[in-house]
Amino acid sequence: MLALGCDHGGYGLMQEVKAHLDKRGIEYRDFGTYSAESTDYPIYAKKVCTAITEGECEFGILICGTGIGMSMTANKFKGIRAAVCSDCFSAQATRSHNNANVLCMGERTVGPGLALLITDTFLDTPFSEEERHKRRIAMIED
């Protein structure tokens, strides 16, 4: 299960992502926000990360204006490896090398067409399982 969260700055792009996930048949839980009315991004980052750390969801997608605030909040949670991605190479590399479990994007920095490609790349790329990457992830977790 995928956990989704956004603030007002990411609300429009999240609607595009949800429609795309629906077309792909990917299950998700939407933790809000549910409108474009101004709100605080940490509320939704915390909900998504808690769902992941408690085992309710495996991965998450967080969207705000830039993706930066969401990633800063998400990375405060033990076991969360969140990455802001604005291109497919970064999405592939962060999954393959960092075993990232949260994708962060910015509605004001990434258009919907690219955002959907980034989402697919992130979700479809497995972790490499290479020892050097496992070692580095362990170093992050310590």
Foldseek 3Di string as FASTA:
>chain_A
DEEEEEFLQFVVLVVLQVVLCVVVVHDYDYPDDPHNPGDDQLVRLVVRLVCCVVPVDPAYEYEHAAQVVSQVSNVVDQPADEDEDQALVVLQCCCAQVVHRYYTGHCNRHPNVRVNSSVCSNVVHHHNPDPVSVVVNVVSND
